[in-house]
Amino acid sequence: MKNINIRPSKVQQVPLLFTRWFLAACLVTACLVSMPRSYAQADIPESQNYQGIQYITGGIGSEESDAMLQLGQRWPLTLEFAQDHPQRPLWVADVDVKITDNKRKVIFSALSEGPIMLVQLPAGSYEIEAKFEDRILKKKLKIEENQPVKLPIVWPIR
């Protein structure tokens, strides 16, 4: 008796290749779906506008704050609001923010609803006035083209 080598024909091989490819695609899709959302996909509050200056305020929750800080790397100004604490500063919200230009003209005024505020300021010198619980802090600031600034504003413990 002769050994007969039976190989599947090319037509029979195609469904096998397709099945393997399909299973691999399903596995990759399942992995991607089960992964946590990236910061870029986190819900970032909508931008707002004050006299032509675009801004975003928020940062409530770790996903949103991480996403806003990441986005802030591409904005001219990122403000972070906190109150000093013995262990570490604690973020605060409901901060009134005013920005004046070098002629002392108020060019921006808004309420930060979270501990982070991104502001689309043009290059120039400014003073920031931040008010939290009737306490005002002022900081001078210089914005240069394509050089984002991250400015923490921390109120001391009463």
Protein backbone atom coordinates (compact mmCIF):
# COMPACT_ATOMS: atom_id res chain seq x y z
CA MET A 1 0.00 0.00 0.00
CA LYS A 2 1.28 3.40 -0.97
CA ASN A 3 1.34 6.33 1.40
CA ILE A 4 -0.86 8.97 0.01
CA ASN A 5 -0.08 12.47 1.08
CA ILE A 6 -3.31 14.41 1.18
CA ARG A 7 -2.98 18.16 1.31
CA PRO A 8 -5.87 20.54 1.41
CA SER A 9 -6.36 22.40 -1.81
CA LYS A 10 -5.82 26.14 -1.99
CA VAL A 11 -9.57 26.63 -1.83
CA GLN A 12 -9.69 24.75 1.48
CA GLN A 13 -6.72 26.77 2.88
CA VAL A 14 -8.40 30.17 2.43
CA PRO A 15 -11.13 29.59 5.04
CA LEU A 16 -8.48 28.41 7.50
CA LEU A 17 -6.39 31.58 6.95
CA PHE A 18 -9.49 33.75 7.17
CA THR A 19 -10.54 32.06 10.41
CA ARG A 20 -7.13 32.66 12.00
CA TRP A 21 -7.10 36.28 10.86
CA PHE A 22 -10.65 36.81 12.10
CA LEU A 23 -9.84 35.32 15.53
CA ALA A 24 -6.73 37.48 15.84
CA ALA A 25 -8.74 40.61 14.95
CA CYS A 26 -11.39 39.69 17.54
CA LEU A 27 -8.71 39.22 20.19
CA VAL A 28 -7.10 42.60 19.45
CA THR A 29 -10.50 44.32 19.49
CA ALA A 30 -11.41 42.72 22.82
CA CYS A 31 -8.12 43.91 24.32
CA LEU A 32 -8.62 47.46 23.08
CA VAL A 33 -12.20 47.63 24.32
CA SER A 34 -11.27 46.36 27.77
CA MET A 35 -8.39 48.85 28.20
CA PRO A 36 -9.05 51.93 30.33
CA ARG A 37 -9.74 55.13 28.42
CA SER A 38 -6.68 57.20 27.68
CA TYR A 39 -6.38 60.72 29.01
CA ALA A 40 -6.93 62.10 25.55
CA GLN A 41 -10.34 60.42 25.47
CA ALA A 42 -11.39 61.66 28.92
CA ASP A 43 -14.24 64.13 28.94
CA ILE A 44 -12.71 67.57 29.04
CA PRO A 45 -15.11 70.45 29.71
CA GLU A 46 -16.01 72.58 26.72
CA SER A 47 -13.94 75.66 26.05
CA GLN A 48 -15.47 79.02 26.81
CA ASN A 49 -14.68 82.53 25.66
CA TYR A 50 -14.14 85.82 27.46
CA GLN A 51 -13.66 88.83 25.15
CA GLY A 52 -11.93 86.70 22.53
CA ILE A 53 -9.78 84.73 24.99
CA GLN A 54 -10.54 81.02 24.95
CA TYR A 55 -10.33 79.08 28.22
CA ILE A 56 -11.25 75.76 29.81
CA THR A 57 -11.97 75.27 33.48
CA GLY A 58 -12.36 71.99 35.34
CA GLY A 59 -10.19 69.18 36.61
CA ILE A 60 -12.70 67.52 38.91
CA GLY A 61 -11.70 63.87 39.30
CA SER A 62 -8.39 62.26 38.44
CA GLU A 63 -9.24 61.39 34.81
CA GLU A 64 -10.38 64.91 33.97
CA SER A 65 -7.50 66.59 35.83
CA ASP A 66 -4.91 64.32 34.19
CA ALA A 67 -6.44 65.00 30.77
CA MET A 68 -6.51 68.75 31.34
CA LEU A 69 -2.90 68.83 32.52
CA GLN A 70 -1.88 66.87 29.44
CA LEU A 71 -3.85 69.25 27.21
CA GLY A 72 -2.33 72.19 29.09
CA GLN A 73 1.07 71.31 27.66
CA ARG A 74 -0.23 72.76 24.39
CA TRP A 75 -1.90 75.87 25.88
CA PRO A 76 -0.01 79.10 26.70
CA LEU A 77 -1.16 79.13 30.35
CA THR A 78 -2.20 76.44 32.82
CA LEU A 79 -3.31 77.64 36.25
CA GLU A 80 -3.56 75.21 39.17
CA PHE A 81 -5.40 76.31 42.31
CA ALA A 82 -4.70 74.77 45.72
CA GLN A 83 -4.80 75.50 49.42
CA ASP A 84 -1.78 74.64 51.52
CA HIS A 85 -2.09 71.66 53.83
CA PRO A 86 0.43 70.03 56.21
CA GLN A 87 0.75 66.88 54.08
CA ARG A 88 0.34 68.34 50.59
CA PRO A 89 -1.61 71.17 48.92
CA LEU A 90 -5.27 70.35 48.28
CA TRP A 91 -6.84 71.48 45.03
CA VAL A 92 -9.64 74.04 45.26
CA ALA A 93 -12.42 75.22 42.95
CA ASP A 94 -14.64 78.29 42.61
CA VAL A 95 -11.73 80.68 42.16
CA ASP A 96 -12.35 84.12 40.64
CA VAL A 97 -9.59 84.86 38.15
CA LYS A 98 -8.73 88.26 36.68
CA ILE A 99 -5.85 88.88 34.31
CA THR A 100 -4.60 92.37 33.58
CA ASP A 101 -2.17 93.40 30.86
CA ASN A 102 0.89 95.63 31.34
CA LYS A 103 -1.39 98.71 31.08
CA ARG A 104 -3.43 97.38 34.06
CA LYS A 105 -6.45 96.79 31.81
CA VAL A 106 -8.55 93.72 32.74
CA ILE A 107 -8.41 91.50 29.66
CA PHE A 108 -9.79 88.33 31.26
CA SER A 109 -12.20 87.58 34.09
CA ALA A 110 -13.84 84.23 34.84
CA LEU A 111 -14.74 81.78 37.59
CA SER A 112 -12.70 78.58 37.65
CA GLU A 113 -15.15 75.78 38.41
CA GLY A 114 -12.33 73.34 39.11
CA PRO A 115 -8.72 73.36 40.28
CA ILE A 116 -7.34 73.76 36.74
CA MET A 117 -7.82 76.54 34.23
CA LEU A 118 -6.30 76.63 30.74
CA VAL A 119 -6.11 80.09 29.17
CA GLN A 120 -5.27 80.91 25.56
CA LEU A 121 -3.32 84.14 26.23
CA PRO A 122 -1.25 85.86 23.56
CA ALA A 123 2.43 86.53 24.28
CA GLY A 124 2.95 89.38 26.74
CA SER A 125 3.35 90.38 30.38
CA TYR A 126 0.41 90.01 32.74
CA GLU A 127 -0.68 90.05 36.36
CA ILE A 128 -3.02 87.37 37.64
CA GLU A 129 -5.35 88.04 40.51
CA ALA A 130 -6.96 84.90 41.97
CA LYS A 131 -9.61 85.13 44.69
CA PHE A 132 -10.59 82.14 46.84
CA GLU A 133 -12.73 82.44 49.98
CA ASP A 134 -12.30 86.26 49.96
CA ARG A 135 -8.49 85.93 49.92
CA ILE A 136 -6.65 87.40 46.97
CA LEU A 137 -3.29 86.25 45.61
CA LYS A 138 -1.48 88.11 42.84
CA LYS A 139 1.26 86.81 40.56
CA LYS A 140 3.16 88.37 37.69
CA LEU A 141 3.52 86.34 34.55
CA LYS A 142 5.22 86.48 31.17
CA ILE A 143 3.88 84.43 28.25
CA GLU A 144 6.23 83.77 25.34
CA GLU A 145 5.32 82.30 21.98
CA ASN A 146 5.30 78.44 21.99
CA GLN A 147 6.46 78.22 25.63
CA PRO A 148 3.57 76.99 27.78
CA VAL A 149 3.54 78.19 31.39
CA LYS A 150 2.20 76.14 34.30
CA LEU A 151 1.50 78.39 37.27
CA PRO A 152 0.45 76.95 40.63
CA ILE A 153 -1.43 79.36 42.89
CA VAL A 154 -1.48 78.13 46.48
CA TRP A 155 -3.30 79.85 49.35
CA PRO A 156 -1.72 79.44 52.79
CA ILE A 157 -3.65 77.76 55.61
CA ARG A 158 -5.65 80.27 57.62
